[in-house]
Amino acid sequence: MTVPFTEIHKDDAPVVTAADGSTVRILSKTHMASSIHVVIEGTSNPIYHHSRDEVWYVISGEGEMWRRSAMREAHTIKLTPGMSFTIPKQTTFQYRSTGGGPLEAVCVTIPPWPQPDADEVVASAGIW
């Protein structure tokens, strides 16, 4: 399968509200992965994905990320610009901005975001 080259500036990207309550700009995408720009002011809704892995990179703001899975103990990490972390599939997560402004990150998702399956994202119990 031939995948076309794509390019887009963040300011021209479609903007949606994700299931966790964050504002998401859908950036570049292939049939295997996508990149999105995530912005949260306040606290996200706790969720998990059935089949999507995510790799995040914080670009501005300060915050916290809480993650929990059946195979790992729950823990919270501090988020600052330059921090990168993973959210493997079936990991419940919740994050929040703590720096007095929005928290912004770029996220790579595998498979691409969003997925058409309505059951992909599941609301869960969180920490905040």
N, C-alpha and C. Protein backbone atom coordinates (compact mmCIF):
# COMPACT_ATOMS: atom_id res chain seq x y z
N MET A 1 0.85 -1.17 0.00
CA MET A 1 0.00 0.00 0.00
C MET A 1 0.90 1.24 0.00
N THR A 2 0.65 2.15 -0.91
CA THR A 2 1.40 3.40 -0.97
C THR A 2 0.71 4.44 -0.13
N VAL A 3 1.46 5.05 0.76
CA VAL A 3 0.91 6.09 1.62
C VAL A 3 1.44 7.44 1.12
N PRO A 4 0.55 8.40 0.90
CA PRO A 4 1.02 9.70 0.41
C PRO A 4 1.79 10.45 1.49
N PHE A 5 2.68 11.32 1.05
CA PHE A 5 3.32 12.23 1.99
C PHE A 5 2.27 13.22 2.48
N THR A 6 2.37 13.58 3.75
CA THR A 6 1.47 14.61 4.28
C THR A 6 2.29 15.61 5.05
N GLU A 7 1.79 16.81 5.09
CA GLU A 7 2.40 17.86 5.90
C GLU A 7 1.30 18.84 6.28
N ILE A 8 1.42 19.37 7.49
CA ILE A 8 0.43 20.32 7.96
C ILE A 8 1.06 21.18 9.05
N HIS A 9 0.69 22.42 9.10
CA HIS A 9 1.10 23.30 10.19
C HIS A 9 0.08 23.16 11.31
N LYS A 10 0.53 23.20 12.54
CA LYS A 10 -0.36 23.04 13.70
C LYS A 10 -1.56 23.98 13.61
N ASP A 11 -1.36 25.21 13.17
CA ASP A 11 -2.45 26.19 13.12
C ASP A 11 -3.52 25.83 12.08
N ASP A 12 -3.19 24.97 11.13
CA ASP A 12 -4.13 24.56 10.10
C ASP A 12 -4.77 23.20 10.38
N ALA A 13 -4.37 22.55 11.45
CA ALA A 13 -4.84 21.20 11.76
C ALA A 13 -6.26 21.23 12.32
N PRO A 14 -7.06 20.20 12.01
CA PRO A 14 -8.40 20.09 12.59
C PRO A 14 -8.33 20.02 14.11
N VAL A 15 -9.26 20.70 14.78
CA VAL A 15 -9.30 20.74 16.24
C VAL A 15 -10.53 19.99 16.73
N VAL A 16 -10.33 19.08 17.68
CA VAL A 16 -11.42 18.31 18.27
C VAL A 16 -11.24 18.25 19.78
N THR A 17 -12.28 17.88 20.48
CA THR A 17 -12.19 17.62 21.91
C THR A 17 -12.10 16.11 22.10
N ALA A 18 -11.03 15.66 22.75
CA ALA A 18 -10.82 14.23 22.98
C ALA A 18 -11.71 13.73 24.12
N ALA A 19 -11.85 12.41 24.23
CA ALA A 19 -12.66 11.80 25.29
C ALA A 19 -12.15 12.17 26.68
N ASP A 20 -10.85 12.50 26.80
CA ASP A 20 -10.32 12.87 28.11
C ASP A 20 -10.55 14.35 28.43
N GLY A 21 -11.17 15.09 27.50
CA GLY A 21 -11.47 16.50 27.72
C GLY A 21 -10.44 17.47 27.19
N SER A 22 -9.33 16.97 26.67
CA SER A 22 -8.29 17.84 26.13
C SER A 22 -8.66 18.33 24.73
N THR A 23 -8.01 19.41 24.34
CA THR A 23 -8.14 19.91 22.98
C THR A 23 -7.04 19.27 22.15
N VAL A 24 -7.42 18.67 21.03
CA VAL A 24 -6.47 17.94 20.19
C VAL A 24 -6.48 18.51 18.78
N ARG A 25 -5.29 18.76 18.26
CA ARG A 25 -5.12 19.09 16.85
C ARG A 25 -4.54 17.85 16.19
N ILE A 26 -5.21 17.38 15.14
CA ILE A 26 -4.76 16.18 14.45
C ILE A 26 -3.72 16.61 13.42
N LEU A 27 -2.49 16.18 13.63
CA LEU A 27 -1.37 16.57 12.77
C LEU A 27 -1.22 15.53 11.67
N SER A 28 -0.02 15.07 11.41
CA SER A 28 0.23 14.12 10.32
C SER A 28 -0.20 12.71 10.69
N LYS A 29 -0.50 11.92 9.63
CA LYS A 29 -1.05 10.59 9.86
C LYS A 29 -0.67 9.67 8.71
N THR A 30 -0.34 8.41 9.04
CA THR A 30 -0.19 7.35 8.05
C THR A 30 -1.19 6.25 8.41
N HIS A 31 -1.16 5.15 7.70
CA HIS A 31 -2.07 4.05 8.05
C HIS A 31 -1.62 3.33 9.32
N MET A 32 -0.38 3.57 9.79
CA MET A 32 0.15 2.90 10.97
C MET A 32 0.22 3.77 12.22
N ALA A 33 0.36 5.10 12.07
CA ALA A 33 0.58 5.98 13.23
C ALA A 33 0.11 7.39 12.91
N SER A 34 0.00 8.20 13.97
CA SER A 34 -0.35 9.60 13.79
C SER A 34 0.35 10.43 14.84
N SER A 35 0.37 11.74 14.59
CA SER A 35 0.86 12.66 15.60
C SER A 35 -0.25 13.67 15.88
N ILE A 36 -0.38 14.03 17.16
CA ILE A 36 -1.39 14.98 17.58
C ILE A 36 -0.76 15.99 18.53
N HIS A 37 -1.35 17.16 18.60
CA HIS A 37 -0.95 18.20 19.55
C HIS A 37 -2.04 18.26 20.60
N VAL A 38 -1.66 18.07 21.86
CA VAL A 38 -2.61 17.98 22.97
C VAL A 38 -2.45 19.21 23.87
N VAL A 39 -3.59 19.82 24.25
CA VAL A 39 -3.58 20.95 25.18
C VAL A 39 -4.62 20.68 26.26
N ILE A 40 -4.21 20.82 27.52
CA ILE A 40 -5.15 20.69 28.63
C ILE A 40 -4.98 21.87 29.57
N GLU A 41 -6.09 22.45 29.94
CA GLU A 41 -6.12 23.47 30.99
C GLU A 41 -6.97 22.86 32.09
N GLY A 42 -6.38 22.60 33.24
CA GLY A 42 -7.11 21.92 34.29
C GLY A 42 -6.73 20.46 34.32
N THR A 43 -7.74 19.60 34.51
CA THR A 43 -7.52 18.16 34.70
C THR A 43 -8.28 17.36 33.66
N SER A 44 -7.63 16.36 33.09
CA SER A 44 -8.28 15.50 32.11
C SER A 44 -9.21 14.50 32.78
N ASN A 45 -10.09 13.91 31.99
CA ASN A 45 -10.90 12.79 32.45
C ASN A 45 -10.04 11.53 32.40
N PRO A 46 -10.13 10.65 33.40
CA PRO A 46 -9.36 9.40 33.34
C PRO A 46 -9.94 8.44 32.31
N ILE A 47 -9.05 7.88 31.46
CA ILE A 47 -9.47 6.95 30.42
C ILE A 47 -8.39 5.90 30.21
N TYR A 48 -8.71 4.89 29.39
CA TYR A 48 -7.69 4.02 28.83
C TYR A 48 -8.11 3.64 27.42
N HIS A 49 -7.12 3.20 26.63
CA HIS A 49 -7.35 2.77 25.26
C HIS A 49 -7.19 1.26 25.18
N HIS A 50 -8.11 0.60 24.48
CA HIS A 50 -8.02 -0.85 24.30
C HIS A 50 -6.79 -1.24 23.49
N SER A 51 -6.53 -0.53 22.38
CA SER A 51 -5.49 -1.02 21.47
C SER A 51 -4.49 0.04 21.02
N ARG A 52 -4.52 1.24 21.59
CA ARG A 52 -3.62 2.30 21.14
C ARG A 52 -2.48 2.54 22.13
N ASP A 53 -1.25 2.53 21.61
CA ASP A 53 -0.08 2.96 22.37
C ASP A 53 0.15 4.44 22.07
N GLU A 54 0.68 5.17 23.05
CA GLU A 54 0.99 6.58 22.85
C GLU A 54 2.38 6.88 23.39
N VAL A 55 3.08 7.77 22.69
CA VAL A 55 4.38 8.28 23.13
C VAL A 55 4.24 9.80 23.16
N TRP A 56 4.44 10.38 24.33
CA TRP A 56 4.22 11.82 24.53
C TRP A 56 5.55 12.55 24.68
N TYR A 57 5.53 13.83 24.28
CA TYR A 57 6.66 14.74 24.48
C TYR A 57 6.08 16.10 24.89
N VAL A 58 6.39 16.55 26.09
CA VAL A 58 5.86 17.82 26.61
C VAL A 58 6.61 18.98 25.98
N ILE A 59 5.86 19.93 25.41
CA ILE A 59 6.50 21.08 24.77
C ILE A 59 6.36 22.38 25.57
N SER A 60 5.33 22.49 26.41
CA SER A 60 5.22 23.69 27.26
C SER A 60 4.29 23.44 28.43
N GLY A 61 4.45 24.27 29.45
CA GLY A 61 3.63 24.16 30.65
C GLY A 61 4.23 23.20 31.65
N GLU A 62 3.52 23.05 32.74
CA GLU A 62 3.91 22.11 33.80
C GLU A 62 2.68 21.32 34.20
N GLY A 63 2.90 20.09 34.65
CA GLY A 63 1.77 19.28 35.06
C GLY A 63 2.19 17.98 35.68
N GLU A 64 1.21 17.10 35.78
CA GLU A 64 1.44 15.76 36.33
C GLU A 64 0.70 14.75 35.46
N MET A 65 1.27 13.55 35.34
CA MET A 65 0.65 12.44 34.62
C MET A 65 0.59 11.25 35.56
N TRP A 66 -0.60 10.70 35.72
CA TRP A 66 -0.81 9.52 36.54
C TRP A 66 -1.15 8.36 35.60
N ARG A 67 -0.49 7.22 35.81
CA ARG A 67 -0.73 6.03 34.99
C ARG A 67 -0.87 4.81 35.89
N ARG A 68 -1.77 3.88 35.45
CA ARG A 68 -1.97 2.62 36.19
C ARG A 68 -2.38 1.55 35.19
N SER A 69 -1.80 0.36 35.34
CA SER A 69 -2.22 -0.77 34.52
C SER A 69 -2.25 -2.02 35.38
N ALA A 70 -2.81 -3.08 34.81
CA ALA A 70 -2.90 -4.35 35.55
C ALA A 70 -1.52 -4.92 35.83
N MET A 71 -0.52 -4.55 35.01
CA MET A 71 0.81 -5.13 35.16
C MET A 71 1.80 -4.18 35.84
N ARG A 72 1.38 -2.95 36.13
CA ARG A 72 2.29 -1.99 36.75
C ARG A 72 1.60 -1.26 37.88
N GLU A 73 2.37 -0.91 38.88
CA GLU A 73 1.86 -0.13 39.99
C GLU A 73 1.51 1.28 39.53
N ALA A 74 0.47 1.86 40.09
CA ALA A 74 0.11 3.23 39.75
C ALA A 74 1.19 4.18 40.24
N HIS A 75 1.47 5.19 39.43
CA HIS A 75 2.41 6.22 39.86
C HIS A 75 2.18 7.50 39.08
N THR A 76 2.68 8.58 39.64
CA THR A 76 2.52 9.92 39.07
C THR A 76 3.89 10.48 38.75
N ILE A 77 4.01 11.13 37.59
CA ILE A 77 5.27 11.78 37.22
C ILE A 77 5.02 13.26 37.00
N LYS A 78 6.05 14.05 37.23
CA LYS A 78 6.00 15.49 36.99
C LYS A 78 6.27 15.73 35.51
N LEU A 79 5.50 16.63 34.91
CA LEU A 79 5.65 16.95 33.50
C LEU A 79 6.20 18.36 33.34
N THR A 80 7.30 18.46 32.62
CA THR A 80 7.92 19.74 32.29
C THR A 80 8.37 19.67 30.83
N PRO A 81 8.60 20.81 30.19
CA PRO A 81 9.06 20.78 28.81
C PRO A 81 10.31 19.91 28.65
N GLY A 82 10.29 19.09 27.61
CA GLY A 82 11.39 18.17 27.33
C GLY A 82 11.16 16.76 27.87
N MET A 83 10.15 16.57 28.71
CA MET A 83 9.85 15.25 29.28
C MET A 83 9.14 14.39 28.23
N SER A 84 9.55 13.14 28.08
CA SER A 84 8.91 12.18 27.19
C SER A 84 8.53 10.95 27.99
N PHE A 85 7.40 10.33 27.65
CA PHE A 85 6.95 9.15 28.37
C PHE A 85 5.99 8.37 27.49
N THR A 86 5.70 7.15 27.91
CA THR A 86 4.82 6.28 27.15
C THR A 86 3.53 5.98 27.92
N ILE A 87 2.49 5.69 27.14
CA ILE A 87 1.24 5.18 27.70
C ILE A 87 0.89 3.94 26.88
N PRO A 88 1.29 2.76 27.36
CA PRO A 88 0.97 1.53 26.63
C PRO A 88 -0.55 1.28 26.64
N LYS A 89 -1.02 0.55 25.64
CA LYS A 89 -2.45 0.23 25.57
C LYS A 89 -2.90 -0.40 26.88
N GLN A 90 -4.16 -0.18 27.21
CA GLN A 90 -4.82 -0.69 28.41
C GLN A 90 -4.23 -0.13 29.70
N THR A 91 -3.61 1.04 29.61
CA THR A 91 -3.11 1.76 30.78
C THR A 91 -4.08 2.90 31.08
N THR A 92 -4.64 2.92 32.27
CA THR A 92 -5.49 4.04 32.67
C THR A 92 -4.57 5.22 32.95
N PHE A 93 -4.97 6.40 32.46
CA PHE A 93 -4.16 7.58 32.70
C PHE A 93 -5.03 8.81 32.91
N GLN A 94 -4.45 9.76 33.61
CA GLN A 94 -5.08 11.05 33.86
C GLN A 94 -3.97 12.06 34.03
N TYR A 95 -4.17 13.25 33.53
CA TYR A 95 -3.13 14.27 33.62
C TYR A 95 -3.75 15.62 33.90
N ARG A 96 -2.89 16.53 34.36
CA ARG A 96 -3.39 17.86 34.68
C ARG A 96 -2.29 18.90 34.54
N SER A 97 -2.74 20.11 34.31
CA SER A 97 -1.84 21.25 34.26
C SER A 97 -1.70 21.79 35.68
N THR A 98 -0.49 22.07 36.10
CA THR A 98 -0.27 22.58 37.46
C THR A 98 0.51 23.90 37.47
N GLY A 99 0.83 24.42 36.29
CA GLY A 99 1.70 25.59 36.21
C GLY A 99 0.99 26.92 36.03
N GLY A 100 -0.32 26.98 36.21
CA GLY A 100 -1.02 28.23 36.06
C GLY A 100 -1.40 28.55 34.62
N GLY A 101 -1.09 27.67 33.69
CA GLY A 101 -1.44 27.83 32.28
C GLY A 101 -1.64 26.48 31.67
N PRO A 102 -1.86 26.44 30.36
CA PRO A 102 -2.09 25.14 29.72
C PRO A 102 -0.83 24.28 29.66
N LEU A 103 -1.05 22.99 29.65
CA LEU A 103 -0.01 21.99 29.43
C LEU A 103 -0.14 21.57 27.98
N GLU A 104 0.98 21.57 27.23
CA GLU A 104 0.95 21.19 25.81
C GLU A 104 1.94 20.07 25.54
N ALA A 105 1.52 19.14 24.71
CA ALA A 105 2.38 18.01 24.35
C ALA A 105 2.11 17.60 22.91
N VAL A 106 3.11 16.97 22.32
CA VAL A 106 2.94 16.31 21.04
C VAL A 106 2.94 14.82 21.34
N CYS A 107 2.03 14.11 20.71
CA CYS A 107 1.83 12.70 21.01
C CYS A 107 1.83 11.90 19.70
N VAL A 108 2.57 10.80 19.68
CA VAL A 108 2.52 9.86 18.57
C VAL A 108 1.62 8.71 19.01
N THR A 109 0.68 8.34 18.16
CA THR A 109 -0.27 7.29 18.50
C THR A 109 -0.15 6.14 17.50
N ILE A 110 -0.18 4.93 18.02
CA ILE A 110 -0.08 3.73 17.19
C ILE A 110 -1.16 2.75 17.68
N PRO A 111 -2.16 2.44 16.89
CA PRO A 111 -2.49 2.92 15.56
C PRO A 111 -2.93 4.38 15.57
N PRO A 112 -3.23 4.94 14.39
CA PRO A 112 -3.53 6.36 14.29
C PRO A 112 -4.73 6.79 15.13
N TRP A 113 -4.70 8.05 15.50
CA TRP A 113 -5.79 8.68 16.24
C TRP A 113 -6.59 9.51 15.27
N PRO A 114 -7.88 9.61 15.36
CA PRO A 114 -8.74 8.75 16.19
C PRO A 114 -9.06 7.46 15.46
N GLN A 115 -9.46 6.48 16.23
CA GLN A 115 -9.90 5.23 15.64
C GLN A 115 -11.42 5.25 15.54
N PRO A 116 -11.97 4.64 14.51
CA PRO A 116 -13.42 4.69 14.33
C PRO A 116 -14.20 3.86 15.35
N ASP A 117 -13.55 2.94 16.02
CA ASP A 117 -14.22 2.06 16.98
C ASP A 117 -14.63 2.84 18.23
N ALA A 118 -15.91 2.94 18.46
CA ALA A 118 -16.43 3.72 19.60
C ALA A 118 -16.01 3.12 20.95
N ASP A 119 -15.67 1.84 20.98
CA ASP A 119 -15.28 1.18 22.22
C ASP A 119 -13.78 1.29 22.51
N GLU A 120 -13.02 1.98 21.66
CA GLU A 120 -11.57 2.10 21.84
C GLU A 120 -11.21 2.83 23.13
N VAL A 121 -11.92 3.89 23.45
CA VAL A 121 -11.65 4.69 24.64
C VAL A 121 -12.65 4.34 25.72
N VAL A 122 -12.14 4.05 26.92
CA VAL A 122 -13.00 3.64 28.03
C VAL A 122 -12.80 4.58 29.21
N ALA A 123 -13.89 5.15 29.71
CA ALA A 123 -13.83 5.97 30.92
C ALA A 123 -13.42 5.07 32.08
N SER A 124 -12.65 5.63 33.00
CA SER A 124 -12.12 4.84 34.09
C SER A 124 -12.07 5.68 35.36
N ALA A 125 -11.69 5.06 36.46
CA ALA A 125 -11.51 5.80 37.72
C ALA A 125 -10.09 6.37 37.72
N GLY A 126 -9.94 7.61 38.14
CA GLY A 126 -8.65 8.26 38.16
C GLY A 126 -8.22 8.67 39.55
N ILE A 127 -7.25 9.54 39.61
CA ILE A 127 -6.70 9.97 40.89
C ILE A 127 -7.23 11.36 41.31
N TRP A 128 -7.56 12.21 40.31
CA TRP A 128 -8.00 13.57 40.65
C TRP A 128 -9.47 13.77 40.35
